[in-house]
Amino acid sequence: MPDASRAPSPSRAPLRAPSTGALQLSDEDAKLVTLARAARARTGAIEGAAVRDGDGRTYAASSVTLPSLTLTALQLAVATAAAAGTGRLEAAAVVTEASTLDGAGHAAVRDLAAEAPIHLAAPDGSLLGTVVS
C-alpha cells in the first residue's frame, strides 16, 4: 500500500484555471476523473490518475511510495498504458489535494502526447484546471 505521507515531485506544471461555468469536461474526460478518484480511494493514496489512449482504452493508477520506488499516479498510469502497447494518449486526469500538477507526471504524459489535456481535479471531483501544453 502506498505511503500517503510522502508527496509527489515538487516540480510543478502550470494550470489553466477554469473560468466560472465556462469549462465543462466532456463525458469521456469526466470518466477519467471518476476513474482517478476511484484509484485514489481504493488505495488511500495521495493521488489517483487515469489516461485514455488513442483507441479509447483507459488506464487508472494511484501514487506509489516504496523504499526502492516512488511514482506519481500519472507516471504509473502512463507506464501502464505504454506497457500495454499504447503509442498515443488523448487525455489524462489527476485527482489530488495539491493545487498544481507535478512535473514528473506532466513529462510522462508529454512523452506520448504533445498536447493532450491533463485535467487536475480535487478529491471531490471538482475541476481545478487543465494543462494543455
Protein backbone atom coordinates (compact mmCIF):
# COMPACT_ATOMS: atom_id res chain seq x y z
CA MET A 1 0.00 0.00 0.00
CA PRO A 2 1.37 3.47 -0.83
CA ASP A 3 2.70 5.71 1.88
CA ALA A 4 0.33 8.69 1.96
CA SER A 5 2.78 10.76 4.00
CA ARG A 6 5.14 11.44 1.09
CA ALA A 7 4.16 13.96 -1.55
CA PRO A 8 4.84 13.65 -5.28
CA SER A 9 7.63 15.53 -7.04
CA PRO A 10 7.85 19.22 -6.07
CA SER A 11 8.37 20.34 -9.68
CA ARG A 12 5.00 21.57 -10.96
CA ALA A 13 3.36 22.37 -14.32
CA PRO A 14 1.24 25.50 -14.82
CA LEU A 15 -2.55 25.12 -14.92
CA ARG A 16 -5.14 26.96 -16.93
CA ALA A 17 -7.84 27.54 -14.34
CA PRO A 18 -11.42 27.01 -15.45
CA SER A 19 -13.48 30.15 -15.94
CA THR A 20 -16.57 30.21 -13.80
CA GLY A 21 -19.03 27.95 -15.56
CA ALA A 22 -17.08 28.15 -18.84
CA LEU A 23 -15.08 24.92 -18.77
CA GLN A 24 -17.06 21.70 -18.82
CA LEU A 25 -15.41 18.30 -19.18
CA SER A 26 -16.58 16.03 -21.96
CA ASP A 27 -18.25 12.82 -20.80
CA GLU A 28 -15.08 10.87 -21.68
CA ASP A 29 -12.85 13.25 -19.70
CA ALA A 30 -15.28 13.20 -16.76
CA LYS A 31 -14.93 9.39 -16.82
CA LEU A 32 -11.16 9.83 -16.40
CA VAL A 33 -11.75 11.94 -13.28
CA THR A 34 -14.11 9.26 -11.92
CA LEU A 35 -11.54 6.51 -12.56
CA ALA A 36 -8.78 8.59 -10.95
CA ARG A 37 -10.94 9.25 -7.88
CA ALA A 38 -11.68 5.52 -7.57
CA ALA A 39 -8.00 4.55 -7.86
CA ARG A 40 -7.08 7.08 -5.17
CA ALA A 41 -9.88 5.97 -2.83
CA ARG A 42 -9.21 2.26 -3.33
CA THR A 43 -5.63 2.53 -2.06
CA GLY A 44 -5.85 5.58 0.21
CA ALA A 45 -3.09 7.20 -1.86
CA ILE A 46 -2.17 10.88 -2.12
CA GLU A 47 -3.34 10.98 -5.72
CA GLY A 48 -5.07 8.98 -8.41
CA ALA A 49 -4.78 9.34 -12.16
CA ALA A 50 -6.27 7.96 -15.34
CA VAL A 51 -5.31 8.26 -19.00
CA ARG A 52 -7.14 7.47 -22.25
CA ASP A 53 -5.20 6.19 -25.22
CA GLY A 54 -5.80 6.74 -28.93
CA ASP A 55 -8.05 3.65 -29.11
CA GLY A 56 -10.24 4.82 -26.22
CA ARG A 57 -8.81 2.39 -23.67
CA THR A 58 -8.36 3.77 -20.15
CA TYR A 59 -5.71 3.09 -17.54
CA ALA A 60 -6.01 4.16 -13.89
CA ALA A 61 -3.42 4.16 -11.11
CA SER A 62 -2.58 5.63 -7.73
CA SER A 63 0.68 7.06 -6.44
CA VAL A 64 3.22 4.53 -5.17
CA THR A 65 5.83 5.11 -2.50
CA LEU A 66 8.09 2.20 -1.65
CA PRO A 67 11.59 2.21 -0.20
CA SER A 68 13.03 1.49 -3.65
CA LEU A 69 10.44 3.13 -5.93
CA THR A 70 8.37 6.30 -5.96
CA LEU A 71 5.93 7.05 -8.80
CA THR A 72 3.24 9.65 -9.14
CA ALA A 73 -0.17 8.33 -10.09
CA LEU A 74 0.13 9.91 -13.52
CA GLN A 75 3.55 8.34 -14.14
CA LEU A 76 2.13 4.91 -13.27
CA ALA A 77 -0.98 5.35 -15.41
CA VAL A 78 1.20 6.39 -18.38
CA ALA A 79 3.62 3.49 -17.75
CA THR A 80 0.71 1.04 -17.65
CA ALA A 81 -0.61 2.40 -20.94
CA ALA A 82 2.84 2.22 -22.52
CA ALA A 83 3.34 -1.34 -21.26
CA ALA A 84 0.03 -2.28 -22.93
CA GLY A 85 1.41 -1.02 -26.25
CA THR A 86 -0.14 2.44 -26.36
CA GLY A 87 1.65 4.83 -28.65
CA ARG A 88 -0.51 7.90 -28.10
CA LEU A 89 -2.62 9.42 -25.34
CA GLU A 90 -5.75 11.53 -25.89
CA ALA A 91 -6.26 12.88 -22.36
CA ALA A 92 -5.35 12.46 -18.72
CA ALA A 93 -6.77 13.35 -15.32
CA VAL A 94 -5.21 13.59 -11.86
CA VAL A 95 -7.15 13.75 -8.61
CA THR A 96 -5.11 15.18 -5.76
CA GLU A 97 -5.17 17.53 -2.81
CA ALA A 98 -2.36 19.53 -4.42
CA SER A 99 -3.22 22.70 -6.33
CA THR A 100 -0.78 22.08 -9.18
CA LEU A 101 0.26 19.21 -11.44
CA ASP A 102 3.56 17.53 -10.64
CA GLY A 103 6.32 17.93 -13.22
CA ALA A 104 7.16 14.22 -13.44
CA GLY A 105 3.60 13.21 -14.33
CA HIS A 106 3.34 16.06 -16.82
CA ALA A 107 6.57 14.93 -18.50
CA ALA A 108 5.35 11.31 -18.69
CA VAL A 109 2.16 12.35 -20.50
CA ARG A 110 4.16 14.56 -22.88
CA ASP A 111 6.30 11.55 -23.82
CA LEU A 112 3.19 10.09 -25.51
CA ALA A 113 1.16 13.22 -26.32
CA ALA A 114 2.47 16.69 -27.08
CA GLU A 115 -0.82 18.47 -26.49
CA ALA A 116 -3.26 16.11 -24.75
CA PRO A 117 -5.17 17.90 -21.99
CA ILE A 118 -4.27 16.95 -18.43
CA HIS A 119 -7.15 17.76 -16.09
CA LEU A 120 -6.42 18.37 -12.41
CA ALA A 121 -9.28 17.73 -10.01
CA ALA A 122 -9.81 17.96 -6.28
CA PRO A 123 -10.71 14.81 -4.29
CA ASP A 124 -14.42 15.71 -4.62
CA GLY A 125 -14.05 15.64 -8.42
CA SER A 126 -14.30 19.39 -8.96
CA LEU A 127 -12.05 20.63 -11.76
CA LEU A 128 -9.13 22.79 -10.61
CA GLY A 129 -7.67 23.41 -14.06
CA THR A 130 -6.24 21.90 -17.22
CA VAL A 131 -2.71 21.75 -18.60
CA VAL A 132 -2.73 21.86 -22.40
CA SER A 133 0.95 22.07 -23.30
